[in-house]
Amino acid sequence: MITFRAAALAALALAVASPALAKEAPVSFSEDVHPILQVRCVACHQAGQDGFEKSGLDLTTYEGVMKGTKHGPMIVAGDPVTSNLMVLIDGKADKSLQMPHGKKKLTSCDRDLIRKWIKQGAQNN
């Protein structure tokens, strides 16, 4: 009887702890997201470059990413589905707007990392 009770309590404890254990590791802007932007996006999206001149989007800093474009925000913290950045890099926009423009699409791993960062609140960490 005690063995059954102990097993039941252990199963209950495991069921309660599982969601906490499954929590995603935090994604860092400075260590994870910014390096992707530096390699794949900043050549065009910095002051003086074509992507910046056309859109006003500066991807060299966290502040620039969060400021967005002259047409509106690129990031909706906590909501990657409605974040314009994800729409553009996932290829869900008109072909003329897909990013990076005229270059190979970001890898699914890179896009998923940016998506997780946005989902986790798009923190400056």
PDB file of N, CA and C in Angstrom:
ATOM      1  N   MET A   1       0.816  -1.191   0.000  1.00  0.00           N
ATOM      2  CA  MET A   1       0.000   0.000   0.000  1.00  0.00           C
ATOM      3  C   MET A   1       0.864   1.260   0.000  1.00  0.00           C
ATOM      4  N   ILE A   2       1.894   1.284   0.813  1.00  0.00           N
ATOM      5  CA  ILE A   2       2.788   2.434   0.851  1.00  0.00           C
ATOM      6  C   ILE A   2       3.517   2.578  -0.481  1.00  0.00           C
ATOM      7  N   THR A   3       3.898   1.484  -1.093  1.00  0.00           N
ATOM      8  CA  THR A   3       4.594   1.522  -2.375  1.00  0.00           C
ATOM      9  C   THR A   3       3.704   2.142  -3.449  1.00  0.00           C
ATOM     10  N   PHE A   4       2.436   1.749  -3.480  1.00  0.00           N
ATOM     11  CA  PHE A   4       1.505   2.304  -4.455  1.00  0.00           C
ATOM     12  C   PHE A   4       1.332   3.806  -4.237  1.00  0.00           C
ATOM     13  N   ARG A   5       1.194   4.208  -2.989  1.00  0.00           N
ATOM     14  CA  ARG A   5       1.024   5.624  -2.661  1.00  0.00           C
ATOM     15  C   ARG A   5       2.263   6.416  -3.063  1.00  0.00           C
ATOM     16  N   ALA A   6       3.441   5.887  -2.804  1.00  0.00           N
ATOM     17  CA  ALA A   6       4.683   6.570  -3.180  1.00  0.00           C
ATOM     18  C   ALA A   6       4.790   6.704  -4.697  1.00  0.00           C
ATOM     19  N   ALA A   7       4.423   5.654  -5.415  1.00  0.00           N
ATOM     20  CA  ALA A   7       4.474   5.694  -6.878  1.00  0.00           C
ATOM     21  C   ALA A   7       3.483   6.722  -7.419  1.00  0.00           C
ATOM     22  N   ALA A   8       2.298   6.776  -6.831  1.00  0.00           N
ATOM     23  CA  ALA A   8       1.288   7.738  -7.276  1.00  0.00           C
ATOM     24  C   ALA A   8       1.753   9.168  -7.019  1.00  0.00           C
ATOM     25  N   LEU A   9       2.355   9.411  -5.854  1.00  0.00           N
ATOM     26  CA  LEU A   9       2.874  10.744  -5.546  1.00  0.00           C
ATOM     27  C   LEU A   9       4.020  11.120  -6.481  1.00  0.00           C
ATOM     28  N   ALA A  10       4.885  10.170  -6.789  1.00  0.00           N
ATOM     29  CA  ALA A  10       5.995  10.430  -7.709  1.00  0.00           C
ATOM     30  C   ALA A  10       5.475  10.764  -9.102  1.00  0.00           C
ATOM     31  N   ALA A  11       4.463  10.047  -9.561  1.00  0.00           N
ATOM     32  CA  ALA A  11       3.875  10.307 -10.879  1.00  0.00           C
ATOM     33  C   ALA A  11       3.233  11.689 -10.915  1.00  0.00           C
ATOM     34  N   LEU A  12       2.544  12.056  -9.836  1.00  0.00           N
ATOM     35  CA  LEU A  12       1.920  13.368  -9.752  1.00  0.00           C
ATOM     36  C   LEU A  12       2.977  14.470  -9.759  1.00  0.00           C
ATOM     37  N   ALA A  13       4.042  14.285  -9.002  1.00  0.00           N
ATOM     38  CA  ALA A  13       5.122  15.273  -8.956  1.00  0.00           C
ATOM     39  C   ALA A  13       5.769  15.438 -10.327  1.00  0.00           C
ATOM     40  N   LEU A  14       5.967  14.337 -11.033  1.00  0.00           N
ATOM     41  CA  LEU A  14       6.560  14.386 -12.367  1.00  0.00           C
ATOM     42  C   LEU A  14       5.640  15.114 -13.343  1.00  0.00           C
ATOM     43  N   ALA A  15       4.351  14.864 -13.260  1.00  0.00           N
ATOM     44  CA  ALA A  15       3.387  15.516 -14.153  1.00  0.00           C
ATOM     45  C   ALA A  15       3.359  17.021 -13.925  1.00  0.00           C
ATOM     46  N   VAL A  16       3.449  17.439 -12.670  1.00  0.00           N
ATOM     47  CA  VAL A  16       3.447  18.860 -12.338  1.00  0.00           C
ATOM     48  C   VAL A  16       4.760  19.514 -12.758  1.00  0.00           C
ATOM     49  N   ALA A  17       5.873  18.810 -12.624  1.00  0.00           N
ATOM     50  CA  ALA A  17       7.189  19.367 -12.935  1.00  0.00           C
ATOM     51  C   ALA A  17       7.482  19.390 -14.425  1.00  0.00           C
ATOM     52  N   SER A  18       6.858  18.541 -15.213  1.00  0.00           N
ATOM     53  CA  SER A  18       7.172  18.435 -16.641  1.00  0.00           C
ATOM     54  C   SER A  18       7.056  19.749 -17.404  1.00  0.00           C
ATOM     55  N   PRO A  19       5.986  20.545 -17.248  1.00  0.00           N
ATOM     56  CA  PRO A  19       5.929  21.811 -17.983  1.00  0.00           C
ATOM     57  C   PRO A  19       7.084  22.743 -17.629  1.00  0.00           C
ATOM     58  N   ALA A  20       7.496  22.752 -16.370  1.00  0.00           N
ATOM     59  CA  ALA A  20       8.615  23.603 -15.971  1.00  0.00           C
ATOM     60  C   ALA A  20       9.912  23.126 -16.605  1.00  0.00           C
ATOM     61  N   LEU A  21      10.083  21.816 -16.706  1.00  0.00           N
ATOM     62  CA  LEU A  21      11.292  21.267 -17.305  1.00  0.00           C
ATOM     63  C   LEU A  21      11.321  21.504 -18.809  1.00  0.00           C
ATOM     64  N   ALA A  22      10.162  21.581 -19.434  1.00  0.00           N
ATOM     65  CA  ALA A  22      10.080  21.747 -20.881  1.00  0.00           C
ATOM     66  C   ALA A  22      10.240  23.204 -21.319  1.00  0.00           C
ATOM     67  N   LYS A  23      10.382  24.118 -20.390  1.00  0.00           N
ATOM     68  CA  LYS A  23      10.503  25.538 -20.700  1.00  0.00           C
ATOM     69  C   LYS A  23      11.688  25.783 -21.630  1.00  0.00           C
ATOM     70  N   GLU A  24      11.469  26.602 -22.643  1.00  0.00           N
ATOM     71  CA  GLU A  24      12.522  26.900 -23.609  1.00  0.00           C
ATOM     72  C   GLU A  24      13.632  27.724 -22.969  1.00  0.00           C
ATOM     73  N   ALA A  25      14.845  27.454 -23.409  1.00  0.00           N
ATOM     74  CA  ALA A  25      15.979  28.256 -22.961  1.00  0.00           C
ATOM     75  C   ALA A  25      15.809  29.669 -23.513  1.00  0.00           C
ATOM     76  N   PRO A  26      16.170  30.681 -22.737  1.00  0.00           N
ATOM     77  CA  PRO A  26      16.016  32.050 -23.225  1.00  0.00           C
ATOM     78  C   PRO A  26      16.925  32.318 -24.428  1.00  0.00           C
ATOM     79  N   VAL A  27      16.390  33.073 -25.386  1.00  0.00           N
ATOM     80  CA  VAL A  27      17.162  33.480 -26.555  1.00  0.00           C
ATOM     81  C   VAL A  27      17.658  34.893 -26.291  1.00  0.00           C
ATOM     82  N   SER A  28      18.935  35.114 -26.503  1.00  0.00           N
ATOM     83  CA  SER A  28      19.564  36.405 -26.251  1.00  0.00           C
ATOM     84  C   SER A  28      19.654  37.222 -27.537  1.00  0.00           C
ATOM     85  N   PHE A  29      19.281  38.495 -27.453  1.00  0.00           N
ATOM     86  CA  PHE A  29      19.441  39.358 -28.624  1.00  0.00           C
ATOM     87  C   PHE A  29      20.919  39.490 -28.969  1.00  0.00           C
ATOM     88  N   SER A  30      21.737  39.836 -27.983  1.00  0.00           N
ATOM     89  CA  SER A  30      23.149  40.109 -28.273  1.00  0.00           C
ATOM     90  C   SER A  30      23.938  38.870 -28.680  1.00  0.00           C
ATOM     91  N   GLU A  31      23.615  37.723 -28.115  1.00  0.00           N
ATOM     92  CA  GLU A  31      24.391  36.514 -28.410  1.00  0.00           C
ATOM     93  C   GLU A  31      23.799  35.659 -29.525  1.00  0.00           C
ATOM     94  N   ASP A  32      22.498  35.714 -29.740  1.00  0.00           N
ATOM     95  CA  ASP A  32      21.847  34.831 -30.711  1.00  0.00           C
ATOM     96  C   ASP A  32      21.296  35.564 -31.934  1.00  0.00           C
ATOM     97  N   VAL A  33      20.501  36.594 -31.710  1.00  0.00           N
ATOM     98  CA  VAL A  33      19.795  37.264 -32.803  1.00  0.00           C
ATOM     99  C   VAL A  33      20.683  38.271 -33.529  1.00  0.00           C
ATOM    100  N   HIS A  34      21.356  39.132 -32.784  1.00  0.00           N
ATOM    101  CA  HIS A  34      22.167  40.184 -33.402  1.00  0.00           C
ATOM    102  C   HIS A  34      23.235  39.631 -34.349  1.00  0.00           C
ATOM    103  N   PRO A  35      23.936  38.544 -34.004  1.00  0.00           N
ATOM    104  CA  PRO A  35      24.916  37.994 -34.961  1.00  0.00           C
ATOM    105  C   PRO A  35      24.286  37.564 -36.294  1.00  0.00           C
ATOM    106  N   ILE A  36      23.074  37.040 -36.259  1.00  0.00           N
ATOM    107  CA  ILE A  36      22.385  36.661 -37.504  1.00  0.00           C
ATOM    108  C   ILE A  36      22.112  37.914 -38.333  1.00  0.00           C
ATOM    109  N   LEU A  37      21.595  38.943 -37.678  1.00  0.00           N
ATOM    110  CA  LEU A  37      21.296  40.188 -38.380  1.00  0.00           C
ATOM    111  C   LEU A  37      22.565  40.810 -38.954  1.00  0.00           C
ATOM    112  N   GLN A  38      23.657  40.745 -38.194  1.00  0.00           N
ATOM    113  CA  GLN A  38      24.930  41.317 -38.662  1.00  0.00           C
ATOM    114  C   GLN A  38      25.400  40.641 -39.939  1.00  0.00           C
ATOM    115  N   VAL A  39      25.316  39.330 -39.992  1.00  0.00           N
ATOM    116  CA  VAL A  39      25.820  38.574 -41.141  1.00  0.00           C
ATOM    117  C   VAL A  39      24.869  38.651 -42.334  1.00  0.00           C
ATOM    118  N   ARG A  40      23.563  38.611 -42.086  1.00  0.00           N
ATOM    119  CA  ARG A  40      22.602  38.450 -43.181  1.00  0.00           C
ATOM    120  C   ARG A  40      21.841  39.718 -43.577  1.00  0.00           C
ATOM    121  N   CYS A  41      21.824  40.746 -42.731  1.00  0.00           N
ATOM    122  CA  CYS A  41      20.912  41.869 -42.976  1.00  0.00           C
ATOM    123  C   CYS A  41      21.561  43.255 -42.975  1.00  0.00           C
ATOM    124  N   VAL A  42      22.579  43.436 -42.166  1.00  0.00           N
ATOM    125  CA  VAL A  42      23.135  44.761 -41.934  1.00  0.00           C
ATOM    126  C   VAL A  42      23.816  45.363 -43.167  1.00  0.00           C
ATOM    127  N   ALA A  43      24.273  44.549 -44.091  1.00  0.00           N
ATOM    128  CA  ALA A  43      24.904  45.106 -45.295  1.00  0.00           C
ATOM    129  C   ALA A  43      23.960  46.083 -45.997  1.00  0.00           C
ATOM    130  N   CYS A  44      22.669  45.826 -45.946  1.00  0.00           N
ATOM    131  CA  CYS A  44      21.673  46.714 -46.569  1.00  0.00           C
ATOM    132  C   CYS A  44      20.950  47.596 -45.557  1.00  0.00           C
ATOM    133  N   HIS A  45      20.735  47.076 -44.345  1.00  0.00           N
ATOM    134  CA  HIS A  45      19.915  47.788 -43.366  1.00  0.00           C
ATOM    135  C   HIS A  45      20.758  48.477 -42.308  1.00  0.00           C
ATOM    136  N   GLN A  46      21.551  49.445 -42.788  1.00  0.00           N
ATOM    137  CA  GLN A  46      22.288  50.355 -41.914  1.00  0.00           C
ATOM    138  C   GLN A  46      22.325  51.706 -42.621  1.00  0.00           C
ATOM    139  N   ALA A  47      22.563  52.754 -41.873  1.00  0.00           N
ATOM    140  CA  ALA A  47      22.558  54.105 -42.440  1.00  0.00           C
ATOM    141  C   ALA A  47      23.441  54.175 -43.681  1.00  0.00           C
ATOM    142  N   GLY A  48      22.903  54.803 -44.723  1.00  0.00           N
ATOM    143  CA  GLY A  48      23.645  54.987 -45.960  1.00  0.00           C
ATOM    144  C   GLY A  48      23.489  53.871 -46.974  1.00  0.00           C
ATOM    145  N   GLN A  49      22.855  52.774 -46.587  1.00  0.00           N
ATOM    146  CA  GLN A  49      22.687  51.642 -47.505  1.00  0.00           C
ATOM    147  C   GLN A  49      21.260  51.614 -48.066  1.00  0.00           C
ATOM    148  N   ASP A  50      21.092  50.908 -49.164  1.00  0.00           N
ATOM    149  CA  ASP A  50      19.837  50.892 -49.908  1.00  0.00           C
ATOM    150  C   ASP A  50      18.626  50.467 -49.068  1.00  0.00           C
ATOM    151  N   GLY A  51      18.767  49.385 -48.311  1.00  0.00           N
ATOM    152  CA  GLY A  51      17.650  48.906 -47.495  1.00  0.00           C
ATOM    153  C   GLY A  51      17.220  49.917 -46.454  1.00  0.00           C
ATOM    154  N   PHE A  52      18.193  50.616 -45.890  1.00  0.00           N
ATOM    155  CA  PHE A  52      17.889  51.651 -44.902  1.00  0.00           C
ATOM    156  C   PHE A  52      17.233  52.851 -45.577  1.00  0.00           C
ATOM    157  N   GLU A  53      17.784  53.260 -46.710  1.00  0.00           N
ATOM    158  CA  GLU A  53      17.250  54.432 -47.414  1.00  0.00           C
ATOM    159  C   GLU A  53      15.803  54.211 -47.847  1.00  0.00           C
ATOM    160  N   LYS A  54      15.478  53.012 -48.297  1.00  0.00           N
ATOM    161  CA  LYS A  54      14.119  52.722 -48.763  1.00  0.00           C
ATOM    162  C   LYS A  54      13.120  52.546 -47.625  1.00  0.00           C
ATOM    163  N   SER A  55      13.566  51.909 -46.535  1.00  0.00           N
ATOM    164  CA  SER A  55      12.617  51.549 -45.473  1.00  0.00           C
ATOM    165  C   SER A  55      12.797  52.319 -44.172  1.00  0.00           C
ATOM    166  N   GLY A  56      14.005  52.822 -43.945  1.00  0.00           N
ATOM    167  CA  GLY A  56      14.294  53.445 -42.661  1.00  0.00           C
ATOM    168  C   GLY A  56      14.663  52.431 -41.592  1.00  0.00           C
ATOM    169  N   LEU A  57      14.795  51.160 -41.974  1.00  0.00           N
ATOM    170  CA  LEU A  57      15.092  50.103 -41.001  1.00  0.00           C
ATOM    171  C   LEU A  57      16.592  49.962 -40.792  1.00  0.00           C
ATOM    172  N   ASP A  58      17.018  50.185 -39.558  1.00  0.00           N
ATOM    173  CA  ASP A  58      18.420  50.049 -39.160  1.00  0.00           C
ATOM    174  C   ASP A  58      18.528  48.826 -38.253  1.00  0.00           C
ATOM    175  N   LEU A  59      19.195  47.790 -38.729  1.00  0.00           N
ATOM    176  CA  LEU A  59      19.316  46.550 -37.954  1.00  0.00           C
ATOM    177  C   LEU A  59      20.669  46.425 -37.250  1.00  0.00           C
ATOM    178  N   THR A  60      21.374  47.543 -37.080  1.00  0.00           N
ATOM    179  CA  THR A  60      22.687  47.485 -36.431  1.00  0.00           C
ATOM    180  C   THR A  60      22.589  47.443 -34.910  1.00  0.00           C
ATOM    181  N   THR A  61      21.446  47.860 -34.359  1.00  0.00           N
ATOM    182  CA  THR A  61      21.285  47.897 -32.905  1.00  0.00           C
ATOM    183  C   THR A  61      19.907  47.371 -32.503  1.00  0.00           C
ATOM    184  N   TYR A  62      19.789  47.024 -31.239  1.00  0.00           N
ATOM    185  CA  TYR A  62      18.491  46.609 -30.696  1.00  0.00           C
ATOM    186  C   TYR A  62      17.468  47.728 -30.875  1.00  0.00           C
ATOM    187  N   GLU A  63      17.888  48.956 -30.578  1.00  0.00           N
ATOM    188  CA  GLU A  63      16.980  50.094 -30.683  1.00  0.00           C
ATOM    189  C   GLU A  63      16.458  50.261 -32.113  1.00  0.00           C
ATOM    190  N   GLY A  64      17.343  50.075 -33.087  1.00  0.00           N
ATOM    191  CA  GLY A  64      16.933  50.173 -34.485  1.00  0.00           C
ATOM    192  C   GLY A  64      15.945  49.085 -34.871  1.00  0.00           C
ATOM    193  N   VAL A  65      16.199  47.869 -34.392  1.00  0.00           N
ATOM    194  CA  VAL A  65      15.290  46.751 -34.669  1.00  0.00           C
ATOM    195  C   VAL A  65      13.906  47.060 -34.107  1.00  0.00           C
ATOM    196  N   MET A  66      13.868  47.537 -32.875  1.00  0.00           N
ATOM    197  CA  MET A  66      12.589  47.788 -32.214  1.00  0.00           C
ATOM    198  C   MET A  66      11.889  49.041 -32.752  1.00  0.00           C
ATOM    199  N   LYS A  67      12.651  49.998 -33.259  1.00  0.00           N
ATOM    200  CA  LYS A  67      12.049  51.204 -33.842  1.00  0.00           C
ATOM    201  C   LYS A  67      11.257  50.843 -35.096  1.00  0.00           C
ATOM    202  N   GLY A  68      11.799  49.930 -35.880  1.00  0.00           N
ATOM    203  CA  GLY A  68      11.108  49.504 -37.086  1.00  0.00           C
ATOM    204  C   GLY A  68      11.407  50.384 -38.280  1.00  0.00           C
ATOM    205  N   THR A  69      10.444  50.468 -39.192  1.00  0.00           N
ATOM    206  CA  THR A  69      10.636  51.210 -40.434  1.00  0.00           C
ATOM    207  C   THR A  69       9.842  52.507 -40.409  1.00  0.00           C
ATOM    208  N   LYS A  70       9.987  53.288 -41.470  1.00  0.00           N
ATOM    209  CA  LYS A  70       9.178  54.504 -41.570  1.00  0.00           C
ATOM    210  C   LYS A  70       7.708  54.162 -41.827  1.00  0.00           C
ATOM    211  N   HIS A  71       7.435  52.899 -42.092  1.00  0.00           N
ATOM    212  CA  HIS A  71       6.063  52.440 -42.329  1.00  0.00           C
ATOM    213  C   HIS A  71       5.436  51.791 -41.093  1.00  0.00           C
ATOM    214  N   GLY A  72       6.242  51.534 -40.059  1.00  0.00           N
ATOM    215  CA  GLY A  72       5.705  50.931 -38.847  1.00  0.00           C
ATOM    216  C   GLY A  72       6.664  49.951 -38.208  1.00  0.00           C
ATOM    217  N   PRO A  73       6.234  49.335 -37.104  1.00  0.00           N
ATOM    218  CA  PRO A  73       7.104  48.414 -36.361  1.00  0.00           C
ATOM    219  C   PRO A  73       7.368  47.118 -37.125  1.00  0.00           C
ATOM    220  N   MET A  74       8.506  46.518 -36.842  1.00  0.00           N
ATOM    221  CA  MET A  74       8.868  45.223 -37.416  1.00  0.00           C
ATOM    222  C   MET A  74       8.625  44.099 -36.425  1.00  0.00           C
ATOM    223  N   ILE A  75       8.638  44.444 -35.136  1.00  0.00           N
ATOM    224  CA  ILE A  75       8.529  43.449 -34.072  1.00  0.00           C
ATOM    225  C   ILE A  75       7.314  43.747 -33.213  1.00  0.00           C
ATOM    226  N   VAL A  76       6.503  42.718 -32.977  1.00  0.00           N
ATOM    227  CA  VAL A  76       5.438  42.781 -31.974  1.00  0.00           C
ATOM    228  C   VAL A  76       5.890  41.815 -30.885  1.00  0.00           C
ATOM    229  N   ALA A  77       6.466  42.377 -29.818  1.00  0.00           N
ATOM    230  CA  ALA A  77       7.029  41.545 -28.756  1.00  0.00           C
ATOM    231  C   ALA A  77       5.997  40.544 -28.258  1.00  0.00           C
ATOM    232  N   GLY A  78       6.398  39.268 -28.226  1.00  0.00           N
ATOM    233  CA  GLY A  78       5.522  38.199 -27.774  1.00  0.00           C
ATOM    234  C   GLY A  78       4.690  37.577 -28.881  1.00  0.00           C
ATOM    235  N   ASP A  79       4.703  38.174 -30.074  1.00  0.00           N
ATOM    236  CA  ASP A  79       3.843  37.687 -31.156  1.00  0.00           C
ATOM    237  C   ASP A  79       4.581  37.611 -32.497  1.00  0.00           C
ATOM    238  N   PRO A  80       5.319  36.531 -32.724  1.00  0.00           N
ATOM    239  CA  PRO A  80       6.049  36.409 -33.988  1.00  0.00           C
ATOM    240  C   PRO A  80       5.142  36.306 -35.212  1.00  0.00           C
ATOM    241  N   VAL A  81       3.924  35.824 -35.039  1.00  0.00           N
ATOM    242  CA  VAL A  81       3.013  35.650 -36.179  1.00  0.00           C
ATOM    243  C   VAL A  81       2.666  36.996 -36.818  1.00  0.00           C
ATOM    244  N   THR A  82       2.461  38.028 -36.008  1.00  0.00           N
ATOM    245  CA  THR A  82       2.114  39.341 -36.554  1.00  0.00           C
ATOM    246  C   THR A  82       3.309  40.279 -36.669  1.00  0.00           C
ATOM    247  N   SER A  83       4.495  39.804 -36.340  1.00  0.00           N
ATOM    248  CA  SER A  83       5.704  40.615 -36.484  1.00  0.00           C
ATOM    249  C   SER A  83       6.120  40.652 -37.951  1.00  0.00           C
ATOM    250  N   ASN A  84       6.185  41.855 -38.499  1.00  0.00           N
ATOM    251  CA  ASN A  84       6.534  42.012 -39.912  1.00  0.00           C
ATOM    252  C   ASN A  84       7.894  41.420 -40.255  1.00  0.00           C
ATOM    253  N   LEU A  85       8.830  41.443 -39.319  1.00  0.00           N
ATOM    254  CA  LEU A  85      10.140  40.852 -39.596  1.00  0.00           C
ATOM    255  C   LEU A  85       9.993  39.383 -39.965  1.00  0.00           C
ATOM    256  N   MET A  86       9.171  38.644 -39.225  1.00  0.00           N
ATOM    257  CA  MET A  86       8.979  37.222 -39.516  1.00  0.00           C
ATOM    258  C   MET A  86       8.243  37.023 -40.838  1.00  0.00           C
ATOM    259  N   VAL A  87       7.282  37.875 -41.122  1.00  0.00           N
ATOM    260  CA  VAL A  87       6.557  37.776 -42.399  1.00  0.00           C
ATOM    261  C   VAL A  87       7.546  37.911 -43.553  1.00  0.00           C
ATOM    262  N   LEU A  88       8.477  38.857 -43.435  1.00  0.00           N
ATOM    263  CA  LEU A  88       9.448  39.100 -44.508  1.00  0.00           C
ATOM    264  C   LEU A  88      10.486  37.993 -44.621  1.00  0.00           C
ATOM    265  N   ILE A  89      11.037  37.540 -43.496  1.00  0.00           N
ATOM    266  CA  ILE A  89      12.103  36.530 -43.593  1.00  0.00           C
ATOM    267  C   ILE A  89      11.560  35.117 -43.775  1.00  0.00           C
ATOM    268  N   ASP A  90      10.280  34.905 -43.450  1.00  0.00           N
ATOM    269  CA  ASP A  90       9.663  33.598 -43.707  1.00  0.00           C
ATOM    270  C   ASP A  90       9.171  33.476 -45.148  1.00  0.00           C
ATOM    271  N   GLY A  91       9.258  34.562 -45.916  1.00  0.00           N
ATOM    272  CA  GLY A  91       8.829  34.527 -47.311  1.00  0.00           C
ATOM    273  C   GLY A  91       7.329  34.590 -47.486  1.00  0.00           C
ATOM    274  N   LYS A  92       6.627  35.177 -46.512  1.00  0.00           N
ATOM    275  CA  LYS A  92       5.164  35.249 -46.582  1.00  0.00           C
ATOM    276  C   LYS A  92       4.670  36.576 -47.156  1.00  0.00           C
ATOM    277  N   ALA A  93       5.597  37.446 -47.509  1.00  0.00           N
ATOM    278  CA  ALA A  93       5.236  38.732 -48.115  1.00  0.00           C
ATOM    279  C   ALA A  93       5.355  38.617 -49.627  1.00  0.00           C
ATOM    280  N   ASP A  94       4.923  39.650 -50.315  1.00  0.00           N
ATOM    281  CA  ASP A  94       5.135  39.722 -51.761  1.00  0.00           C
ATOM    282  C   ASP A  94       6.617  39.494 -52.055  1.00  0.00           C
ATOM    283  N   LYS A  95       6.887  38.805 -53.148  1.00  0.00           N
ATOM    284  CA  LYS A  95       8.268  38.452 -53.486  1.00  0.00           C
ATOM    285  C   LYS A  95       9.201  39.663 -53.525  1.00  0.00           C
ATOM    286  N   SER A  96       8.680  40.812 -53.908  1.00  0.00           N
ATOM    287  CA  SER A  96       9.513  42.017 -53.978  1.00  0.00           C
ATOM    288  C   SER A  96       9.929  42.511 -52.596  1.00  0.00           C
ATOM    289  N   LEU A  97       9.263  42.039 -51.553  1.00  0.00           N
ATOM    290  CA  LEU A  97       9.559  42.469 -50.184  1.00  0.00           C
ATOM    291  C   LEU A  97      10.256  41.402 -49.347  1.00  0.00           C
ATOM    292  N   GLN A  98      10.368  40.186 -49.857  1.00  0.00           N
ATOM    293  CA  GLN A  98      10.974  39.113 -49.075  1.00  0.00           C
ATOM    294  C   GLN A  98      12.439  39.429 -48.780  1.00  0.00           C
ATOM    295  N   MET A  99      12.860  39.056 -47.596  1.00  0.00           N
ATOM    296  CA  MET A  99      14.220  39.348 -47.148  1.00  0.00           C
ATOM    297  C   MET A  99      14.961  38.066 -46.805  1.00  0.00           C
ATOM    298  N   PRO A 100      16.274  38.092 -46.963  1.00  0.00           N
ATOM    299  CA  PRO A 100      17.061  39.171 -47.551  1.00  0.00           C
ATOM    300  C   PRO A 100      16.812  39.282 -49.049  1.00  0.00           C
ATOM    301  N   HIS A 101      16.653  40.493 -49.501  1.00  0.00           N
ATOM    302  CA  HIS A 101      16.258  40.771 -50.885  1.00  0.00           C
ATOM    303  C   HIS A 101      17.316  40.285 -51.877  1.00  0.00           C
ATOM    304  N   GLY A 102      16.886  39.410 -52.772  1.00  0.00           N
ATOM    305  CA  GLY A 102      17.771  38.920 -53.821  1.00  0.00           C
ATOM    306  C   GLY A 102      18.854  37.972 -53.350  1.00  0.00           C
ATOM    307  N   LYS A 103      18.743  37.500 -52.120  1.00  0.00           N
ATOM    308  CA  LYS A 103      19.752  36.594 -51.565  1.00  0.00           C
ATOM    309  C   LYS A 103      19.079  35.348 -51.012  1.00  0.00           C
ATOM    310  N   LYS A 104      19.909  34.377 -50.661  1.00  0.00           N
ATOM    311  CA  LYS A 104      19.417  33.121 -50.103  1.00  0.00           C
ATOM    312  C   LYS A 104      18.658  33.379 -48.796  1.00  0.00           C
ATOM    313  N   LYS A 105      17.541  32.696 -48.650  1.00  0.00           N
ATOM    314  CA  LYS A 105      16.705  32.791 -47.451  1.00  0.00           C
ATOM    315  C   LYS A 105      17.505  32.394 -46.210  1.00  0.00           C
ATOM    316  N   LEU A 106      17.196  33.017 -45.078  1.00  0.00           N
ATOM    317  CA  LEU A 106      17.808  32.599 -43.820  1.00  0.00           C
ATOM    318  C   LEU A 106      17.459  31.141 -43.562  1.00  0.00           C
ATOM    319  N   THR A 107      18.343  30.429 -42.890  1.00  0.00           N
ATOM    320  CA  THR A 107      18.072  29.028 -42.584  1.00  0.00           C
ATOM    321  C   THR A 107      16.868  28.932 -41.650  1.00  0.00           C
ATOM    322  N   SER A 108      16.233  27.784 -41.642  1.00  0.00           N
ATOM    323  CA  SER A 108      15.091  27.594 -40.741  1.00  0.00           C
ATOM    324  C   SER A 108      15.542  27.709 -39.291  1.00  0.00           C
ATOM    325  N   CYS A 109      16.768  27.290 -38.996  1.00  0.00           N
ATOM    326  CA  CYS A 109      17.290  27.411 -37.619  1.00  0.00           C
ATOM    327  C   CYS A 109      17.405  28.881 -37.217  1.00  0.00           C
ATOM    328  N   ASP A 110      17.945  29.712 -38.115  1.00  0.00           N
ATOM    329  CA  ASP A 110      18.075  31.140 -37.821  1.00  0.00           C
ATOM    330  C   ASP A 110      16.705  31.790 -37.666  1.00  0.00           C
ATOM    331  N   ARG A 111      15.783  31.457 -38.554  1.00  0.00           N
ATOM    332  CA  ARG A 111      14.437  32.028 -38.475  1.00  0.00           C
ATOM    333  C   ARG A 111      13.729  31.577 -37.197  1.00  0.00           C
ATOM    334  N   ASP A 112      13.894  30.319 -36.828  1.00  0.00           N
ATOM    335  CA  ASP A 112      13.264  29.812 -35.601  1.00  0.00           C
ATOM    336  C   ASP A 112      13.844  30.476 -34.361  1.00  0.00           C
ATOM    337  N   LEU A 113      15.139  30.772 -34.383  1.00  0.00           N
ATOM    338  CA  LEU A 113      15.773  31.446 -33.253  1.00  0.00           C
ATOM    339  C   LEU A 113      15.208  32.862 -33.098  1.00  0.00           C
ATOM    340  N   ILE A 114      15.090  33.578 -34.204  1.00  0.00           N
ATOM    341  CA  ILE A 114      14.505  34.926 -34.163  1.00  0.00           C
ATOM    342  C   ILE A 114      13.049  34.850 -33.718  1.00  0.00           C
ATOM    343  N   ARG A 115      12.314  33.859 -34.208  1.00  0.00           N
ATOM    344  CA  ARG A 115      10.908  33.656 -33.827  1.00  0.00           C
ATOM    345  C   ARG A 115      10.795  33.428 -32.312  1.00  0.00           C
ATOM    346  N   LYS A 116      11.664  32.586 -31.758  1.00  0.00           N
ATOM    347  CA  LYS A 116      11.641  32.317 -30.305  1.00  0.00           C
ATOM    348  C   LYS A 116      11.954  33.579 -29.517  1.00  0.00           C
ATOM    349  N   TRP A 117      12.929  34.361 -30.006  1.00  0.00           N
ATOM    350  CA  TRP A 117      13.286  35.607 -29.323  1.00  0.00           C
ATOM    351  C   TRP A 117      12.073  36.539 -29.269  1.00  0.00           C
ATOM    352  N   ILE A 118      11.379  36.676 -30.375  1.00  0.00           N
ATOM    353  CA  ILE A 118      10.179  37.525 -30.406  1.00  0.00           C
ATOM    354  C   ILE A 118       9.118  36.959 -29.469  1.00  0.00           C
ATOM    355  N   LYS A 119       8.896  35.651 -29.538  1.00  0.00           N
ATOM    356  CA  LYS A 119       7.887  35.001 -28.691  1.00  0.00           C
ATOM    357  C   LYS A 119       8.200  35.196 -27.208  1.00  0.00           C
ATOM    358  N   GLN A 120       9.487  35.216 -26.868  1.00  0.00           N
ATOM    359  CA  GLN A 120       9.901  35.397 -25.479  1.00  0.00           C
ATOM    360  C   GLN A 120       9.891  36.865 -25.053  1.00  0.00           C
ATOM    361  N   GLY A 121       9.401  37.743 -25.906  1.00  0.00           N
ATOM    362  CA  GLY A 121       9.245  39.145 -25.518  1.00  0.00           C
ATOM    363  C   GLY A 121      10.213  40.103 -26.176  1.00  0.00           C
ATOM    364  N   ALA A 122      11.071  39.627 -27.075  1.00  0.00           N
ATOM    365  CA  ALA A 122      12.013  40.479 -27.818  1.00  0.00           C
ATOM    366  C   ALA A 122      12.814  41.387 -26.886  1.00  0.00           C
ATOM    367  N   GLN A 123      13.407  40.772 -25.875  1.00  0.00           N
ATOM    368  CA  GLN A 123      14.162  41.524 -24.868  1.00  0.00           C
ATOM    369  C   GLN A 123      15.536  41.961 -25.368  1.00  0.00           C
ATOM    370  N   ASN A 124      16.042  43.044 -24.814  1.00  0.00           N
ATOM    371  CA  ASN A 124      17.401  43.515 -25.100  1.00  0.00           C
ATOM    372  C   ASN A 124      18.335  42.836 -24.102  1.00  0.00           C
ATOM    373  N   ASN A 125      18.621  41.574 -24.376  1.00  0.00           N
ATOM    374  CA  ASN A 125      19.442  40.782 -23.454  1.00  0.00           C
ATOM    375  C   ASN A 125      20.645  40.197 -24.156  1.00  0.00           C
TER     376      ASN A 125
END
